[in-house]
Every structure is written in structure tokens, then in C-alpha cells.
Amino acid sequence: MTVQTFTPGQITIHLTEAANKQALREIARAHAAGIRLDLDESGCSGFMYVLDFVEEAKDGDQLFVIDGVNLYVPEKWLPMLNGLVIDYVTEGVNSLFKFRNPNATGECGCGESFTVEEV
């Protein structure tokens, strides 16, 4: 597995080669400028990952440019996402982005949400 990294300051977010290729395909198909990685305070464990296509940054977004993928992340979530690895995997008949967060201290049984201790 190849991991591509961009580090603004001391925050790192990684995209595997598979995730990078899929993100580029989906951005092109949506005619978007990039993808926003956000967190939603919901789910049975506390936080859920949310990916949306975007045309521009919002106030408070940090831009990560990773091998041609513009990834916008709200600055308030950066400590909880530091070291995150985003992969694109096939599980059975489904293909999806999979998140490996070293800050997660727990996940719900279905894997849709996660918990972090205060960072």
C-alpha cells in the first residue's frame, strides 16, 4: 500500500493510492474543486465522517493538496484527524472510503461512528 502525505504545520492526513485515484475520479465526475472532510457530532459513538464535494473553502477550512486532490478540513477537527489514513476498499460487493484514525479510542459496532478522548 502506498500512502501519500501532505503536512501543513504538524497535522498529517494520508490518502492511499486507491483512495487518491477514486477521489480524483469522483471530483472530476462531480465537476468539483475538491472534497470536504467534515465530522458530524452524531452516531452512537459520537462522531461520523462526512465527505462532500465543494467548489471552494469555507471560513476556517484547512486545505490539504495531496497528489492533485484538494481536501478541505475544518480547522476545529484537525487535532482529532491528525494522522488519519483514508483508504478506498472493496468489501463484498461494496466499495467505499475507509477511515483509519489513530486518535479514535472506540467505534460503534457498525463502524459508522467513533469516539475520541480529548486531544
N, C-alpha and C. Protein backbone atom coordinates (compact mmCIF):
# COMPACT_ATOMS: atom_id res chain seq x y z
N MET A 1 0.84 -1.17 0.00
CA MET A 1 0.00 0.00 0.00
C MET A 1 0.89 1.23 0.00
N THR A 2 0.62 2.17 -0.88
CA THR A 2 1.35 3.43 -0.95
C THR A 2 0.53 4.51 -0.27
N VAL A 3 1.18 5.31 0.54
CA VAL A 3 0.50 6.39 1.23
C VAL A 3 1.10 7.71 0.80
N GLN A 4 0.26 8.65 0.39
CA GLN A 4 0.69 9.99 0.01
C GLN A 4 0.33 10.94 1.14
N THR A 5 1.22 11.85 1.48
CA THR A 5 1.00 12.71 2.63
C THR A 5 1.31 14.16 2.32
N PHE A 6 0.53 15.06 2.87
CA PHE A 6 0.81 16.50 2.85
C PHE A 6 0.74 16.96 4.29
N THR A 7 1.69 17.75 4.75
CA THR A 7 1.75 18.16 6.14
C THR A 7 1.78 19.68 6.28
N PRO A 8 0.63 20.33 6.53
CA PRO A 8 0.66 21.75 6.87
C PRO A 8 0.89 21.86 8.37
N GLY A 9 1.97 22.52 8.78
CA GLY A 9 2.30 22.55 10.21
C GLY A 9 2.67 21.16 10.65
N GLN A 10 2.04 20.69 11.69
CA GLN A 10 2.31 19.35 12.20
C GLN A 10 1.16 18.37 11.98
N ILE A 11 0.14 18.77 11.26
CA ILE A 11 -1.03 17.92 11.02
C ILE A 11 -0.81 17.12 9.74
N THR A 12 -1.06 15.81 9.81
CA THR A 12 -0.95 14.97 8.62
C THR A 12 -2.25 14.22 8.39
N ILE A 13 -2.63 14.15 7.15
CA ILE A 13 -3.73 13.31 6.70
C ILE A 13 -3.22 12.57 5.48
N HIS A 14 -3.47 11.29 5.42
CA HIS A 14 -2.93 10.43 4.37
C HIS A 14 -4.04 9.89 3.48
N LEU A 15 -3.74 9.78 2.20
CA LEU A 15 -4.61 9.08 1.24
C LEU A 15 -3.80 7.94 0.65
N THR A 16 -4.37 6.74 0.68
CA THR A 16 -3.69 5.65 -0.01
C THR A 16 -3.80 5.90 -1.51
N GLU A 17 -3.04 5.15 -2.28
CA GLU A 17 -3.09 5.29 -3.73
C GLU A 17 -4.50 5.02 -4.25
N ALA A 18 -5.16 3.99 -3.71
CA ALA A 18 -6.52 3.67 -4.14
C ALA A 18 -7.49 4.80 -3.81
N ALA A 19 -7.36 5.39 -2.62
CA ALA A 19 -8.24 6.49 -2.23
C ALA A 19 -7.98 7.72 -3.09
N ASN A 20 -6.72 7.97 -3.39
CA ASN A 20 -6.37 9.12 -4.22
C ASN A 20 -6.98 8.98 -5.62
N LYS A 21 -6.83 7.81 -6.23
CA LYS A 21 -7.37 7.59 -7.57
C LYS A 21 -8.89 7.72 -7.58
N GLN A 22 -9.57 7.16 -6.58
CA GLN A 22 -11.03 7.24 -6.53
C GLN A 22 -11.49 8.66 -6.27
N ALA A 23 -10.80 9.38 -5.40
CA ALA A 23 -11.17 10.77 -5.12
C ALA A 23 -11.04 11.61 -6.38
N LEU A 24 -9.96 11.43 -7.14
CA LEU A 24 -9.78 12.19 -8.38
C LEU A 24 -10.91 11.88 -9.37
N ARG A 25 -11.29 10.60 -9.49
CA ARG A 25 -12.39 10.22 -10.39
C ARG A 25 -13.70 10.88 -9.96
N GLU A 26 -14.00 10.83 -8.68
CA GLU A 26 -15.27 11.37 -8.20
C GLU A 26 -15.30 12.90 -8.28
N ILE A 27 -14.18 13.55 -8.01
CA ILE A 27 -14.12 15.02 -8.14
C ILE A 27 -14.36 15.43 -9.58
N ALA A 28 -13.73 14.72 -10.52
CA ALA A 28 -13.91 15.03 -11.94
C ALA A 28 -15.36 14.79 -12.36
N ARG A 29 -15.93 13.69 -11.93
CA ARG A 29 -17.31 13.36 -12.30
C ARG A 29 -18.29 14.40 -11.76
N ALA A 30 -18.01 14.95 -10.56
CA ALA A 30 -18.89 15.94 -9.94
C ALA A 30 -18.58 17.37 -10.39
N HIS A 31 -17.53 17.53 -11.20
CA HIS A 31 -17.08 18.86 -11.63
C HIS A 31 -16.86 19.77 -10.41
N ALA A 32 -16.22 19.22 -9.39
CA ALA A 32 -15.98 19.95 -8.14
C ALA A 32 -14.52 20.37 -8.04
N ALA A 33 -14.27 21.28 -7.12
CA ALA A 33 -12.89 21.72 -6.87
C ALA A 33 -12.16 20.78 -5.93
N GLY A 34 -12.93 20.06 -5.12
CA GLY A 34 -12.32 19.15 -4.16
C GLY A 34 -13.37 18.51 -3.28
N ILE A 35 -12.88 17.93 -2.18
CA ILE A 35 -13.73 17.23 -1.23
C ILE A 35 -13.53 17.85 0.15
N ARG A 36 -14.62 18.06 0.86
CA ARG A 36 -14.53 18.50 2.26
C ARG A 36 -14.70 17.26 3.14
N LEU A 37 -13.75 17.06 4.03
CA LEU A 37 -13.83 16.03 5.05
C LEU A 37 -14.26 16.72 6.34
N ASP A 38 -15.45 16.41 6.77
CA ASP A 38 -16.01 17.05 7.96
C ASP A 38 -16.37 15.96 8.95
N LEU A 39 -16.65 16.36 10.17
CA LEU A 39 -17.16 15.45 11.18
C LEU A 39 -18.54 15.93 11.60
N ASP A 40 -19.42 15.00 11.81
CA ASP A 40 -20.75 15.30 12.30
C ASP A 40 -20.84 14.71 13.71
N GLU A 41 -21.27 15.52 14.66
CA GLU A 41 -21.41 15.05 16.03
C GLU A 41 -22.70 14.26 16.14
N SER A 42 -22.63 12.99 15.76
CA SER A 42 -23.80 12.12 15.80
C SER A 42 -23.33 10.68 15.77
N GLY A 43 -24.26 9.79 15.60
CA GLY A 43 -23.93 8.38 15.61
C GLY A 43 -23.90 7.87 17.04
N CYS A 44 -23.81 6.58 17.18
CA CYS A 44 -23.88 6.01 18.53
C CYS A 44 -22.58 6.16 19.30
N SER A 45 -21.48 6.51 18.64
CA SER A 45 -20.20 6.66 19.35
C SER A 45 -19.74 8.11 19.46
N GLY A 46 -20.40 9.05 18.80
CA GLY A 46 -20.03 10.45 18.98
C GLY A 46 -19.78 11.22 17.70
N PHE A 47 -18.95 10.70 16.79
CA PHE A 47 -18.60 11.43 15.58
C PHE A 47 -18.70 10.53 14.36
N MET A 48 -19.16 11.13 13.25
CA MET A 48 -19.21 10.43 11.96
C MET A 48 -18.44 11.23 10.93
N TYR A 49 -17.76 10.55 10.01
CA TYR A 49 -17.07 11.22 8.90
C TYR A 49 -18.10 11.61 7.85
N VAL A 50 -17.93 12.80 7.27
CA VAL A 50 -18.82 13.28 6.22
C VAL A 50 -17.94 13.79 5.08
N LEU A 51 -18.16 13.26 3.87
CA LEU A 51 -17.45 13.71 2.68
C LEU A 51 -18.45 14.40 1.76
N ASP A 52 -18.11 15.62 1.32
CA ASP A 52 -18.95 16.37 0.39
C ASP A 52 -18.07 16.98 -0.69
N PHE A 53 -18.62 17.09 -1.90
CA PHE A 53 -17.92 17.81 -2.96
C PHE A 53 -18.07 19.30 -2.72
N VAL A 54 -17.02 20.07 -2.99
CA VAL A 54 -17.06 21.52 -2.76
C VAL A 54 -16.45 22.26 -3.94
N GLU A 55 -16.84 23.52 -4.06
CA GLU A 55 -16.28 24.40 -5.09
C GLU A 55 -15.21 25.32 -4.51
N GLU A 56 -15.30 25.58 -3.21
CA GLU A 56 -14.33 26.48 -2.57
C GLU A 56 -14.29 26.21 -1.08
N ALA A 57 -13.27 26.73 -0.44
CA ALA A 57 -13.12 26.58 1.01
C ALA A 57 -14.15 27.42 1.75
N LYS A 58 -14.53 26.94 2.92
CA LYS A 58 -15.34 27.74 3.84
C LYS A 58 -14.38 28.43 4.81
N ASP A 59 -14.86 29.46 5.48
CA ASP A 59 -14.05 30.09 6.52
C ASP A 59 -13.68 29.02 7.55
N GLY A 60 -12.42 28.97 7.91
CA GLY A 60 -11.96 28.00 8.90
C GLY A 60 -11.52 26.67 8.32
N ASP A 61 -11.54 26.52 6.99
CA ASP A 61 -11.06 25.28 6.38
C ASP A 61 -9.55 25.31 6.22
N GLN A 62 -8.93 24.17 6.40
CA GLN A 62 -7.51 23.97 6.08
C GLN A 62 -7.48 23.17 4.78
N LEU A 63 -6.73 23.63 3.80
CA LEU A 63 -6.62 22.93 2.52
C LEU A 63 -5.41 22.02 2.53
N PHE A 64 -5.64 20.74 2.25
CA PHE A 64 -4.58 19.76 2.03
C PHE A 64 -4.60 19.43 0.54
N VAL A 65 -3.48 19.58 -0.14
CA VAL A 65 -3.38 19.20 -1.55
C VAL A 65 -2.52 17.95 -1.59
N ILE A 66 -3.17 16.82 -1.90
CA ILE A 66 -2.50 15.52 -1.85
C ILE A 66 -2.55 14.90 -3.24
N ASP A 67 -1.44 14.94 -3.95
CA ASP A 67 -1.35 14.37 -5.31
C ASP A 67 -2.53 14.75 -6.18
N GLY A 68 -2.84 16.05 -6.21
CA GLY A 68 -3.91 16.55 -7.07
C GLY A 68 -5.28 16.58 -6.44
N VAL A 69 -5.45 16.01 -5.26
CA VAL A 69 -6.74 16.03 -4.57
C VAL A 69 -6.75 17.19 -3.59
N ASN A 70 -7.71 18.10 -3.77
CA ASN A 70 -7.92 19.19 -2.81
C ASN A 70 -8.85 18.67 -1.73
N LEU A 71 -8.31 18.56 -0.52
CA LEU A 71 -9.07 18.06 0.61
C LEU A 71 -9.21 19.20 1.62
N TYR A 72 -10.45 19.63 1.85
CA TYR A 72 -10.74 20.73 2.76
C TYR A 72 -11.21 20.15 4.09
N VAL A 73 -10.57 20.60 5.18
CA VAL A 73 -10.90 20.08 6.51
C VAL A 73 -11.11 21.26 7.45
N PRO A 74 -12.25 21.33 8.14
CA PRO A 74 -12.44 22.39 9.12
C PRO A 74 -11.35 22.33 10.20
N GLU A 75 -10.75 23.48 10.47
CA GLU A 75 -9.63 23.54 11.41
C GLU A 75 -9.98 23.00 12.78
N LYS A 76 -11.23 23.15 13.21
CA LYS A 76 -11.59 22.69 14.56
C LYS A 76 -11.46 21.18 14.73
N TRP A 77 -11.47 20.42 13.61
CA TRP A 77 -11.38 18.97 13.70
C TRP A 77 -9.94 18.46 13.52
N LEU A 78 -9.01 19.32 13.16
CA LEU A 78 -7.66 18.86 12.85
C LEU A 78 -7.01 18.04 13.96
N PRO A 79 -7.10 18.42 15.23
CA PRO A 79 -6.48 17.58 16.26
C PRO A 79 -7.04 16.16 16.31
N MET A 80 -8.34 16.00 16.04
CA MET A 80 -8.94 14.66 16.07
C MET A 80 -8.63 13.86 14.80
N LEU A 81 -8.24 14.55 13.73
CA LEU A 81 -7.98 13.87 12.46
C LEU A 81 -6.49 13.73 12.16
N ASN A 82 -5.63 14.25 13.01
CA ASN A 82 -4.19 14.17 12.78
C ASN A 82 -3.75 12.71 12.67
N GLY A 83 -3.09 12.37 11.58
CA GLY A 83 -2.62 11.01 11.35
C GLY A 83 -3.63 10.12 10.66
N LEU A 84 -4.80 10.65 10.31
CA LEU A 84 -5.85 9.87 9.65
C LEU A 84 -5.35 9.30 8.34
N VAL A 85 -5.69 8.05 8.07
CA VAL A 85 -5.42 7.40 6.79
C VAL A 85 -6.76 7.11 6.14
N ILE A 86 -6.94 7.60 4.91
CA ILE A 86 -8.16 7.34 4.15
C ILE A 86 -7.81 6.35 3.06
N ASP A 87 -8.52 5.25 3.02
CA ASP A 87 -8.29 4.21 2.03
C ASP A 87 -9.58 4.03 1.24
N TYR A 88 -9.49 3.39 0.09
CA TYR A 88 -10.67 3.04 -0.70
C TYR A 88 -10.62 1.53 -0.87
N VAL A 89 -11.62 0.84 -0.34
CA VAL A 89 -11.59 -0.62 -0.29
C VAL A 89 -12.87 -1.21 -0.88
N THR A 90 -12.78 -2.47 -1.25
CA THR A 90 -13.95 -3.23 -1.67
C THR A 90 -14.19 -4.29 -0.62
N GLU A 91 -15.41 -4.28 -0.09
CA GLU A 91 -15.83 -5.27 0.91
C GLU A 91 -17.08 -5.94 0.37
N GLY A 92 -16.93 -7.18 -0.04
CA GLY A 92 -18.05 -7.88 -0.67
C GLY A 92 -18.36 -7.22 -2.01
N VAL A 93 -19.59 -6.75 -2.19
CA VAL A 93 -19.98 -6.09 -3.43
C VAL A 93 -19.93 -4.57 -3.32
N ASN A 94 -19.52 -4.06 -2.17
CA ASN A 94 -19.48 -2.61 -1.94
C ASN A 94 -18.05 -2.08 -1.97
N SER A 95 -17.88 -0.91 -2.54
CA SER A 95 -16.61 -0.18 -2.49
C SER A 95 -16.86 1.11 -1.74
N LEU A 96 -15.94 1.47 -0.84
CA LEU A 96 -16.15 2.63 -0.01
C LEU A 96 -14.84 3.18 0.53
N PHE A 97 -14.90 4.46 0.95
CA PHE A 97 -13.76 5.05 1.63
C PHE A 97 -13.77 4.53 3.06
N LYS A 98 -12.61 4.12 3.52
CA LYS A 98 -12.44 3.58 4.87
C LYS A 98 -11.49 4.50 5.61
N PHE A 99 -11.80 4.82 6.85
CA PHE A 99 -11.02 5.76 7.65
C PHE A 99 -10.32 5.01 8.78
N ARG A 100 -9.00 5.20 8.88
CA ARG A 100 -8.23 4.64 9.98
C ARG A 100 -7.67 5.82 10.78
N ASN A 101 -8.27 6.05 11.94
CA ASN A 101 -7.93 7.22 12.74
C ASN A 101 -7.18 6.79 14.00
N PRO A 102 -5.90 7.18 14.11
CA PRO A 102 -5.13 6.77 15.29
C PRO A 102 -5.62 7.43 16.57
N ASN A 103 -6.46 8.46 16.47
CA ASN A 103 -6.98 9.15 17.64
C ASN A 103 -8.28 8.53 18.15
N ALA A 104 -8.89 7.65 17.36
CA ALA A 104 -10.15 7.02 17.77
C ALA A 104 -9.88 6.05 18.92
N THR A 105 -10.65 6.21 19.97
CA THR A 105 -10.50 5.32 21.13
C THR A 105 -11.60 4.27 21.18
N GLY A 106 -12.57 4.38 20.28
CA GLY A 106 -13.64 3.41 20.21
C GLY A 106 -14.48 3.64 18.97
N GLU A 107 -15.19 2.59 18.56
CA GLU A 107 -16.10 2.68 17.41
C GLU A 107 -17.38 1.96 17.78
N CYS A 108 -18.45 2.35 17.11
CA CYS A 108 -19.70 1.63 17.32
C CYS A 108 -19.60 0.29 16.59
N GLY A 109 -20.50 -0.60 16.88
CA GLY A 109 -20.46 -1.93 16.29
C GLY A 109 -20.55 -1.95 14.78
N CYS A 110 -21.28 -1.00 14.19
CA CYS A 110 -21.44 -0.98 12.73
C CYS A 110 -20.29 -0.24 12.05
N GLY A 111 -19.42 0.43 12.82
CA GLY A 111 -18.28 1.13 12.23
C GLY A 111 -18.62 2.48 11.63
N GLU A 112 -19.84 2.97 11.83
CA GLU A 112 -20.26 4.25 11.25
C GLU A 112 -19.78 5.45 12.04
N SER A 113 -19.53 5.28 13.34
CA SER A 113 -19.12 6.42 14.15
C SER A 113 -17.99 6.01 15.09
N PHE A 114 -17.34 7.03 15.66
CA PHE A 114 -16.19 6.75 16.52
C PHE A 114 -16.15 7.72 17.69
N THR A 115 -15.34 7.38 18.67
CA THR A 115 -15.15 8.18 19.87
C THR A 115 -13.68 8.57 19.94
N VAL A 116 -13.40 9.75 20.46
CA VAL A 116 -12.01 10.14 20.76
C VAL A 116 -11.96 10.68 22.18
N GLU A 117 -10.85 10.41 22.84
CA GLU A 117 -10.60 11.05 24.11
C GLU A 117 -10.20 12.49 23.79
N GLU A 118 -10.26 13.36 24.73
CA GLU A 118 -9.91 14.76 24.48
C GLU A 118 -8.48 14.84 23.98
N VAL A 119 -8.29 15.57 22.85
CA VAL A 119 -6.94 15.72 22.27
C VAL A 119 -6.49 17.15 22.37
